Amino acid sequence: MELKYTRTGDYELPNLTLNDNKKGTINKYGMLRLDYLKAHKKALYTTLLMKDELTNHLVSVSKDAENLLNNLMESYKISDEKLSEKSKETNQIEWVKLMNNYKNTAEEIILKELIYTENV
Protein backbone atom coordinates (compact mmCIF):
# COMPACT_ATOMS: atom_id res chain seq x y z
CA MET A 1 0.00 0.00 0.00
CA GLU A 2 1.41 3.34 -1.03
CA LEU A 3 0.54 6.47 0.89
CA LYS A 4 0.21 9.78 -0.89
CA TYR A 5 0.82 13.05 0.89
CA THR A 6 -0.58 16.55 0.60
CA ARG A 7 1.58 19.53 1.45
CA THR A 8 -0.07 21.87 3.94
CA GLY A 9 2.18 24.79 4.79
CA ASP A 10 5.48 23.29 5.95
CA TYR A 11 4.00 19.86 6.60
CA GLU A 12 3.18 16.88 4.44
CA LEU A 13 0.07 15.12 5.71
CA PRO A 14 -0.94 11.63 4.58
CA ASN A 15 -4.15 11.28 2.59
CA LEU A 16 -6.02 8.80 4.75
CA THR A 17 -9.28 7.69 3.20
CA LEU A 18 -11.36 4.56 3.30
CA ASN A 19 -11.79 2.62 0.10
CA ASP A 20 -15.33 1.59 -0.68
CA ASN A 21 -14.77 -2.11 0.06
CA LYS A 22 -17.68 -2.80 2.37
CA LYS A 23 -18.55 -6.42 2.69
CA GLY A 24 -21.60 -5.84 4.82
CA THR A 25 -23.36 -3.20 6.83
CA ILE A 26 -22.25 -1.57 10.04
CA ASN A 27 -25.00 -1.66 12.64
CA LYS A 28 -25.22 0.10 15.99
CA TYR A 29 -22.71 -2.28 17.55
CA GLY A 30 -20.16 -1.47 14.85
CA MET A 31 -20.72 2.23 15.41
CA LEU A 32 -20.31 1.78 19.17
CA ARG A 33 -17.02 -0.05 18.51
CA LEU A 34 -15.90 2.81 16.25
CA ASP A 35 -16.66 5.39 18.94
CA TYR A 36 -14.82 3.28 21.51
CA LEU A 37 -11.76 2.96 19.29
CA LYS A 38 -11.70 6.69 18.57
CA ALA A 39 -12.07 7.67 22.22
CA HIS A 40 -10.01 5.05 24.04
CA LYS A 41 -7.80 3.19 21.55
CA LYS A 42 -6.46 5.86 19.23
CA ALA A 43 -3.38 3.84 18.26
CA LEU A 44 -5.45 0.81 17.25
CA TYR A 45 -7.92 3.04 15.42
CA THR A 46 -5.12 4.76 13.49
CA THR A 47 -3.45 1.44 12.67
CA LEU A 48 -6.68 -0.08 11.36
CA LEU A 49 -7.39 3.07 9.38
CA MET A 50 -3.92 3.19 7.81
CA LYS A 51 -4.00 -0.51 6.90
CA ASP A 52 -7.47 -0.03 5.39
CA GLU A 53 -8.89 -2.68 7.74
CA LEU A 54 -11.19 -0.45 9.80
CA THR A 55 -14.31 -1.07 7.74
CA ASN A 56 -13.76 -4.83 7.69
CA HIS A 57 -13.19 -4.79 11.45
CA LEU A 58 -16.42 -2.86 12.08
CA VAL A 59 -18.42 -5.12 9.76
CA SER A 60 -16.99 -8.16 11.56
CA VAL A 61 -17.91 -6.75 14.98
CA SER A 62 -21.40 -5.93 13.68
CA LYS A 63 -21.97 -9.48 12.41
CA ASP A 64 -20.55 -11.10 15.55
CA ALA A 65 -22.68 -8.91 17.81
CA GLU A 66 -25.84 -9.59 15.80
CA ASN A 67 -25.20 -13.35 15.86
CA LEU A 68 -24.54 -13.30 19.59
CA LEU A 69 -27.72 -11.29 20.21
CA ASN A 70 -29.81 -13.75 18.18
CA ASN A 71 -28.26 -16.77 19.92
CA LEU A 72 -28.78 -15.30 23.38
CA MET A 73 -32.39 -14.35 22.68
CA GLU A 74 -33.14 -17.84 21.32
CA SER A 75 -31.62 -19.46 24.40
CA TYR A 76 -33.63 -17.16 26.65
CA LYS A 77 -36.85 -18.06 24.80
CA ILE A 78 -36.12 -21.77 25.18
CA SER A 79 -35.17 -21.59 28.85
CA ASP A 80 -38.07 -19.41 30.08
CA GLU A 81 -41.57 -20.83 29.68
CA LYS A 82 -43.06 -17.37 30.26
CA LEU A 83 -41.80 -16.41 26.79
CA SER A 84 -43.96 -18.94 24.95
CA GLU A 85 -46.54 -17.95 22.35
CA LYS A 86 -49.33 -19.02 24.74
CA SER A 87 -47.99 -16.67 27.40
CA LYS A 88 -47.69 -13.95 24.80
CA GLU A 89 -51.38 -14.26 23.98
CA THR A 90 -52.59 -14.37 27.57
CA ASN A 91 -50.42 -11.71 29.18
CA GLN A 92 -48.86 -9.44 26.58
CA ILE A 93 -47.55 -6.79 28.93
CA GLU A 94 -45.67 -9.31 31.08
CA TRP A 95 -44.28 -10.97 27.93
CA VAL A 96 -43.02 -7.64 26.55
CA LYS A 97 -41.44 -6.72 29.90
CA LEU A 98 -39.60 -10.05 29.99
CA MET A 99 -38.44 -9.74 26.38
CA ASN A 100 -37.14 -6.21 27.00
CA ASN A 101 -35.36 -7.39 30.15
CA TYR A 102 -33.70 -10.27 28.29
CA LYS A 103 -32.74 -8.02 25.38
CA ASN A 104 -31.14 -5.50 27.73
CA THR A 105 -29.22 -8.32 29.40
CA ALA A 106 -28.04 -9.64 26.04
CA GLU A 107 -26.94 -6.17 24.93
CA GLU A 108 -24.93 -5.71 28.13
CA ILE A 109 -23.15 -9.00 27.41
CA ILE A 110 -22.44 -7.89 23.83
CA LEU A 111 -21.05 -4.55 24.96
CA LYS A 112 -18.80 -6.19 27.52
CA GLU A 113 -17.53 -9.02 25.30
CA LEU A 114 -17.36 -7.48 21.82
CA ILE A 115 -17.49 -3.72 21.86
CA TYR A 116 -15.35 -2.65 24.81
CA THR A 117 -12.63 -5.30 24.59
CA GLU A 118 -8.92 -4.86 24.21
CA ASN A 119 -8.35 -7.47 21.49
CA VAL A 120 -9.07 -6.97 17.81
C-alpha atoms as a PDB file:
ATOM      1  CA  MET A   1       0.000   0.000   0.000  1.00  0.00           C
ATOM      2  CA  GLU A   2       1.414   3.335  -1.028  1.00  0.00           C
ATOM      3  CA  LEU A   3       0.543   6.474   0.893  1.00  0.00           C
ATOM      4  CA  LYS A   4       0.205   9.779  -0.890  1.00  0.00           C
ATOM      5  CA  TYR A   5       0.819  13.049   0.888  1.00  0.00           C
ATOM      6  CA  THR A   6      -0.576  16.554   0.597  1.00  0.00           C
ATOM      7  CA  ARG A   7       1.575  19.535   1.447  1.00  0.00           C
ATOM      8  CA  THR A   8      -0.075  21.869   3.944  1.00  0.00           C
ATOM      9  CA  GLY A   9       2.176  24.786   4.792  1.00  0.00           C
ATOM     10  CA  ASP A  10       5.482  23.292   5.949  1.00  0.00           C
ATOM     11  CA  TYR A  11       3.996  19.856   6.596  1.00  0.00           C
ATOM     12  CA  GLU A  12       3.185  16.881   4.436  1.00  0.00           C
ATOM     13  CA  LEU A  13       0.075  15.118   5.707  1.00  0.00           C
ATOM     14  CA  PRO A  14      -0.943  11.629   4.580  1.00  0.00           C
ATOM     15  CA  ASN A  15      -4.153  11.280   2.589  1.00  0.00           C
ATOM     16  CA  LEU A  16      -6.025   8.801   4.748  1.00  0.00           C
ATOM     17  CA  THR A  17      -9.283   7.693   3.197  1.00  0.00           C
ATOM     18  CA  LEU A  18     -11.359   4.559   3.302  1.00  0.00           C
ATOM     19  CA  ASN A  19     -11.794   2.618   0.101  1.00  0.00           C
ATOM     20  CA  ASP A  20     -15.328   1.593  -0.680  1.00  0.00           C
ATOM     21  CA  ASN A  21     -14.768  -2.107   0.064  1.00  0.00           C
ATOM     22  CA  LYS A  22     -17.680  -2.797   2.374  1.00  0.00           C
ATOM     23  CA  LYS A  23     -18.550  -6.417   2.689  1.00  0.00           C
ATOM     24  CA  GLY A  24     -21.605  -5.841   4.817  1.00  0.00           C
ATOM     25  CA  THR A  25     -23.362  -3.204   6.829  1.00  0.00           C
ATOM     26  CA  ILE A  26     -22.249  -1.574  10.035  1.00  0.00           C
ATOM     27  CA  ASN A  27     -25.002  -1.661  12.635  1.00  0.00           C
ATOM     28  CA  LYS A  28     -25.217   0.102  15.986  1.00  0.00           C
ATOM     29  CA  TYR A  29     -22.705  -2.281  17.547  1.00  0.00           C
ATOM     30  CA  GLY A  30     -20.165  -1.471  14.849  1.00  0.00           C
ATOM     31  CA  MET A  31     -20.721   2.231  15.406  1.00  0.00           C
ATOM     32  CA  LEU A  32     -20.309   1.779  19.165  1.00  0.00           C
ATOM     33  CA  ARG A  33     -17.020  -0.049  18.509  1.00  0.00           C
ATOM     34  CA  LEU A  34     -15.898   2.807  16.247  1.00  0.00           C
ATOM     35  CA  ASP A  35     -16.663   5.389  18.936  1.00  0.00           C
ATOM     36  CA  TYR A  36     -14.823   3.279  21.514  1.00  0.00           C
ATOM     37  CA  LEU A  37     -11.756   2.963  19.293  1.00  0.00           C
ATOM     38  CA  LYS A  38     -11.698   6.691  18.570  1.00  0.00           C
ATOM     39  CA  ALA A  39     -12.070   7.667  22.218  1.00  0.00           C
ATOM     40  CA  HIS A  40     -10.007   5.049  24.038  1.00  0.00           C
ATOM     41  CA  LYS A  41      -7.798   3.186  21.545  1.00  0.00           C
ATOM     42  CA  LYS A  42      -6.461   5.857  19.234  1.00  0.00           C
ATOM     43  CA  ALA A  43      -3.379   3.838  18.264  1.00  0.00           C
ATOM     44  CA  LEU A  44      -5.449   0.810  17.253  1.00  0.00           C
ATOM     45  CA  TYR A  45      -7.918   3.043  15.419  1.00  0.00           C
ATOM     46  CA  THR A  46      -5.122   4.756  13.488  1.00  0.00           C
ATOM     47  CA  THR A  47      -3.455   1.445  12.669  1.00  0.00           C
ATOM     48  CA  LEU A  48      -6.680  -0.076  11.360  1.00  0.00           C
ATOM     49  CA  LEU A  49      -7.391   3.073   9.375  1.00  0.00           C
ATOM     50  CA  MET A  50      -3.919   3.186   7.810  1.00  0.00           C
ATOM     51  CA  LYS A  51      -3.995  -0.510   6.896  1.00  0.00           C
ATOM     52  CA  ASP A  52      -7.470  -0.026   5.387  1.00  0.00           C
ATOM     53  CA  GLU A  53      -8.889  -2.678   7.740  1.00  0.00           C
ATOM     54  CA  LEU A  54     -11.186  -0.452   9.800  1.00  0.00           C
ATOM     55  CA  THR A  55     -14.313  -1.068   7.736  1.00  0.00           C
ATOM     56  CA  ASN A  56     -13.755  -4.825   7.686  1.00  0.00           C
ATOM     57  CA  HIS A  57     -13.194  -4.791  11.453  1.00  0.00           C
ATOM     58  CA  LEU A  58     -16.416  -2.857  12.078  1.00  0.00           C
ATOM     59  CA  VAL A  59     -18.424  -5.119   9.764  1.00  0.00           C
ATOM     60  CA  SER A  60     -16.992  -8.156  11.556  1.00  0.00           C
ATOM     61  CA  VAL A  61     -17.908  -6.751  14.976  1.00  0.00           C
ATOM     62  CA  SER A  62     -21.401  -5.928  13.683  1.00  0.00           C
ATOM     63  CA  LYS A  63     -21.966  -9.477  12.411  1.00  0.00           C
ATOM     64  CA  ASP A  64     -20.549 -11.100  15.547  1.00  0.00           C
ATOM     65  CA  ALA A  65     -22.683  -8.908  17.806  1.00  0.00           C
ATOM     66  CA  GLU A  66     -25.836  -9.593  15.800  1.00  0.00           C
ATOM     67  CA  ASN A  67     -25.201 -13.352  15.864  1.00  0.00           C
ATOM     68  CA  LEU A  68     -24.540 -13.298  19.594  1.00  0.00           C
ATOM     69  CA  LEU A  69     -27.721 -11.294  20.213  1.00  0.00           C
ATOM     70  CA  ASN A  70     -29.808 -13.745  18.179  1.00  0.00           C
ATOM     71  CA  ASN A  71     -28.264 -16.774  19.917  1.00  0.00           C
ATOM     72  CA  LEU A  72     -28.775 -15.300  23.376  1.00  0.00           C
ATOM     73  CA  MET A  73     -32.386 -14.355  22.678  1.00  0.00           C
ATOM     74  CA  GLU A  74     -33.141 -17.840  21.323  1.00  0.00           C
ATOM     75  CA  SER A  75     -31.620 -19.459  24.396  1.00  0.00           C
ATOM     76  CA  TYR A  76     -33.635 -17.155  26.655  1.00  0.00           C
ATOM     77  CA  LYS A  77     -36.849 -18.058  24.802  1.00  0.00           C
ATOM     78  CA  ILE A  78     -36.121 -21.770  25.181  1.00  0.00           C
ATOM     79  CA  SER A  79     -35.173 -21.587  28.846  1.00  0.00           C
ATOM     80  CA  ASP A  80     -38.068 -19.414  30.075  1.00  0.00           C
ATOM     81  CA  GLU A  81     -41.569 -20.829  29.680  1.00  0.00           C
ATOM     82  CA  LYS A  82     -43.058 -17.370  30.263  1.00  0.00           C
ATOM     83  CA  LEU A  83     -41.801 -16.408  26.792  1.00  0.00           C
ATOM     84  CA  SER A  84     -43.958 -18.939  24.951  1.00  0.00           C
ATOM     85  CA  GLU A  85     -46.545 -17.953  22.355  1.00  0.00           C
ATOM     86  CA  LYS A  86     -49.326 -19.016  24.740  1.00  0.00           C
ATOM     87  CA  SER A  87     -47.986 -16.671  27.398  1.00  0.00           C
ATOM     88  CA  LYS A  88     -47.693 -13.948  24.796  1.00  0.00           C
ATOM     89  CA  GLU A  89     -51.379 -14.261  23.976  1.00  0.00           C
ATOM     90  CA  THR A  90     -52.595 -14.374  27.572  1.00  0.00           C
ATOM     91  CA  ASN A  91     -50.421 -11.711  29.184  1.00  0.00           C
ATOM     92  CA  GLN A  92     -48.856  -9.443  26.581  1.00  0.00           C
ATOM     93  CA  ILE A  93     -47.551  -6.789  28.934  1.00  0.00           C
ATOM     94  CA  GLU A  94     -45.674  -9.311  31.082  1.00  0.00           C
ATOM     95  CA  TRP A  95     -44.284 -10.967  27.934  1.00  0.00           C
ATOM     96  CA  VAL A  96     -43.025  -7.637  26.554  1.00  0.00           C
ATOM     97  CA  LYS A  97     -41.439  -6.723  29.896  1.00  0.00           C
ATOM     98  CA  LEU A  98     -39.598 -10.051  29.988  1.00  0.00           C
ATOM     99  CA  MET A  99     -38.437  -9.741  26.385  1.00  0.00           C
ATOM    100  CA  ASN A 100     -37.136  -6.214  27.002  1.00  0.00           C
ATOM    101  CA  ASN A 101     -35.360  -7.389  30.146  1.00  0.00           C
ATOM    102  CA  TYR A 102     -33.699 -10.271  28.287  1.00  0.00           C
ATOM    103  CA  LYS A 103     -32.735  -8.021  25.378  1.00  0.00           C
ATOM    104  CA  ASN A 104     -31.145  -5.499  27.728  1.00  0.00           C
ATOM    105  CA  THR A 105     -29.219  -8.317  29.402  1.00  0.00           C
ATOM    106  CA  ALA A 106     -28.039  -9.642  26.041  1.00  0.00           C
ATOM    107  CA  GLU A 107     -26.940  -6.173  24.933  1.00  0.00           C
ATOM    108  CA  GLU A 108     -24.932  -5.707  28.134  1.00  0.00           C
ATOM    109  CA  ILE A 109     -23.155  -8.999  27.407  1.00  0.00           C
ATOM    110  CA  ILE A 110     -22.440  -7.894  23.832  1.00  0.00           C
ATOM    111  CA  LEU A 111     -21.053  -4.551  24.957  1.00  0.00           C
ATOM    112  CA  LYS A 112     -18.800  -6.190  27.522  1.00  0.00           C
ATOM    113  CA  GLU A 113     -17.534  -9.018  25.298  1.00  0.00           C
ATOM    114  CA  LEU A 114     -17.359  -7.480  21.820  1.00  0.00           C
ATOM    115  CA  ILE A 115     -17.491  -3.722  21.856  1.00  0.00           C
ATOM    116  CA  TYR A 116     -15.348  -2.649  24.809  1.00  0.00           C
ATOM    117  CA  THR A 117     -12.631  -5.304  24.594  1.00  0.00           C
ATOM    118  CA  GLU A 118      -8.916  -4.858  24.206  1.00  0.00           C
ATOM    119  CA  ASN A 119      -8.350  -7.467  21.490  1.00  0.00           C
ATOM    120  CA  VAL A 120      -9.066  -6.972  17.807  1.00  0.00           C
END
